Protein backbone atom coordinates (compact mmCIF):
# COMPACT_ATOMS: atom_id res chain seq x y z
CA MET A 1 33.15 -30.24 26.14
CA MET A 2 30.30 -28.65 24.12
CA GLN A 3 32.66 -28.45 21.16
CA GLU A 4 33.37 -32.19 21.45
CA GLN A 5 29.63 -32.97 21.33
CA GLN A 6 29.23 -30.91 18.18
CA ASP A 7 32.20 -32.62 16.58
CA GLU A 8 30.74 -36.05 17.34
CA ARG A 9 27.49 -35.40 15.44
CA SER A 10 27.21 -37.14 12.11
CA LEU A 11 26.84 -35.34 8.83
CA GLY A 12 23.25 -36.58 8.66
CA GLU A 13 22.49 -35.07 12.06
CA LEU A 14 24.02 -31.76 11.02
CA PHE A 15 21.97 -31.67 7.80
CA GLY A 16 18.85 -32.63 9.77
CA GLU A 17 19.46 -29.78 12.18
CA LEU A 18 20.08 -27.40 9.27
CA ALA A 19 16.85 -28.54 7.59
CA LYS A 20 14.92 -28.01 10.84
CA ASP A 21 16.42 -24.53 11.34
CA THR A 22 15.74 -23.63 7.71
CA SER A 23 12.14 -24.82 8.02
CA THR A 24 11.67 -22.68 11.12
CA LEU A 25 13.14 -19.67 9.33
CA VAL A 26 10.85 -20.17 6.34
CA ARG A 27 7.77 -20.34 8.59
CA GLN A 28 8.88 -17.17 10.37
CA GLU A 29 9.50 -15.40 7.07
CA VAL A 30 6.07 -16.37 5.77
CA GLN A 31 4.48 -15.00 8.94
CA LEU A 32 6.51 -11.79 8.62
CA ALA A 33 5.45 -11.42 4.99
CA LYS A 34 1.79 -11.89 5.96
CA THR A 35 2.07 -9.27 8.69
CA GLU A 36 3.87 -6.81 6.45
CA MET A 37 1.40 -7.23 3.58
CA THR A 38 -1.55 -6.82 5.96
CA GLU A 39 -0.10 -3.49 7.10
CA LYS A 40 0.42 -2.33 3.53
CA ILE A 41 -3.06 -3.39 2.42
CA SER A 42 -4.49 -1.53 5.40
CA ALA A 43 -2.65 1.63 4.30
CA VAL A 44 -3.96 1.25 0.72
CA GLY A 45 -7.47 0.82 2.11
CA LYS A 46 -7.05 4.02 4.07
CA ASP A 47 -5.90 5.90 0.94
CA ALA A 48 -8.80 4.45 -1.06
CA GLY A 49 -11.13 5.56 1.71
CA MET A 50 -9.68 9.05 1.51
CA ILE A 51 -10.28 9.10 -2.24
CA ALA A 52 -13.89 8.03 -1.76
CA ALA A 53 -14.48 10.42 1.15
CA GLY A 54 -12.91 13.26 -0.81
CA GLY A 55 -15.13 12.48 -3.75
CA PHE A 56 -18.32 12.35 -1.66
CA VAL A 57 -17.52 15.51 0.28
CA ALA A 58 -16.59 17.37 -2.87
CA TYR A 59 -19.76 16.14 -4.54
CA ALA A 60 -22.08 17.10 -1.68
CA GLY A 61 -20.51 20.49 -1.10
CA LEU A 62 -20.25 21.33 -4.73
CA LEU A 63 -23.87 20.48 -5.49
CA ALA A 64 -24.93 23.48 -3.45
CA LEU A 65 -22.20 25.65 -4.91
CA ILE A 66 -23.03 24.56 -8.43
CA ALA A 67 -26.61 25.66 -8.08
CA THR A 68 -25.51 28.96 -6.52
CA LEU A 69 -22.92 29.69 -9.22
CA ILE A 70 -25.27 28.82 -12.06
CA ILE A 71 -27.95 31.09 -10.60
CA ALA A 72 -25.40 33.88 -10.01
CA LEU A 73 -24.08 33.67 -13.57
CA GLY A 74 -27.64 33.57 -14.90
CA GLN A 75 -28.49 36.70 -12.90
CA LEU A 76 -25.47 38.43 -14.44
CA GLY A 77 -26.90 37.86 -17.88
CA VAL A 78 -24.97 34.74 -18.91
CA PRO A 79 -27.25 32.28 -20.73
CA TRP A 80 -28.31 29.46 -18.40
CA TRP A 81 -26.81 26.74 -20.60
CA LEU A 82 -23.45 28.55 -20.67
CA ALA A 83 -23.54 29.17 -16.91
CA SER A 84 -24.13 25.45 -16.36
CA LEU A 85 -21.31 24.53 -18.74
CA ILE A 86 -18.78 26.85 -17.08
CA VAL A 87 -19.60 25.63 -13.58
CA GLY A 88 -19.63 21.98 -14.70
CA VAL A 89 -16.15 22.24 -16.19
CA VAL A 90 -14.75 23.83 -13.03
CA VAL A 91 -16.35 21.19 -10.81
CA ALA A 92 -15.07 18.35 -13.03
CA ALA A 93 -11.53 19.78 -12.88
CA VAL A 94 -11.58 19.93 -9.07
CA GLY A 95 -12.87 16.35 -8.89
CA TYR A 96 -10.15 15.20 -11.28
CA ILE A 97 -7.45 16.81 -9.13
CA LEU A 98 -8.76 15.08 -5.97
CA ILE A 99 -8.85 11.68 -7.67
CA GLN A 100 -5.34 12.10 -9.09
CA LYS A 101 -3.98 13.02 -5.68
CA GLY A 102 -5.36 9.82 -4.13
CA LEU A 103 -4.20 7.65 -7.04
CA ASN A 104 -0.69 9.12 -6.86
CA ALA A 105 -0.51 8.33 -3.14
CA ILE A 106 -1.36 4.70 -3.89
CA LYS A 107 1.11 4.48 -6.80
CA GLN A 108 3.94 5.80 -4.64
CA MET A 109 3.39 3.14 -2.01
CA ASN A 110 5.89 0.30 -2.28
CA MET A 111 3.83 -2.85 -1.86
CA ALA A 112 6.80 -5.24 -1.71
CA PRO A 113 7.39 -6.65 1.79
CA GLN A 114 10.80 -4.98 2.18
CA GLN A 115 11.53 -6.30 5.66
CA THR A 116 10.78 -9.85 4.55
CA ILE A 117 12.98 -9.50 1.48
CA GLN A 118 15.86 -8.27 3.63
CA THR A 119 15.54 -11.07 6.17
CA LEU A 120 15.29 -13.66 3.38
CA LYS A 121 18.61 -12.38 2.04
CA GLU A 122 20.09 -12.67 5.52
CA ASP A 123 18.65 -16.18 5.90
CA ARG A 124 20.12 -17.25 2.57
CA GLN A 125 23.51 -15.96 3.66
CA TRP A 126 23.19 -17.74 7.01
CA ALA A 127 22.21 -21.03 5.32
CA SER A 128 25.14 -20.83 2.91
CA GLU A 129 27.50 -20.21 5.82
CA GLN A 130 26.09 -23.27 7.59
CA MET A 131 26.85 -25.40 4.54
CA ARG A 132 30.57 -24.55 4.70
């Protein structure tokens, strides 16, 4: 009996139902995309925070070490300007490595909403099957 009711619907009613279902799917996909992008942006924020925290910690800790190393090299007879240059180059290299590590983590993150893309493909397939 359910089959008879479906058969009695007009083509206009069927297209109306398809339009309604498609509209619902689109709204759900938009919400899914928003949720997925929020999660990804949160992860990028965390990585950016790690870069900043790493930079501040390295800076604070190395300030004390810089002074110590410069003084130690100066006490060993190295000219003060050369001691400062040597320590400065080492500190800059360490900072560069920390920054590159954080940037690489961000670059490797796939920002596309993969789950949304997959469900949109499934929705497109479903809609084309409904049109048959």
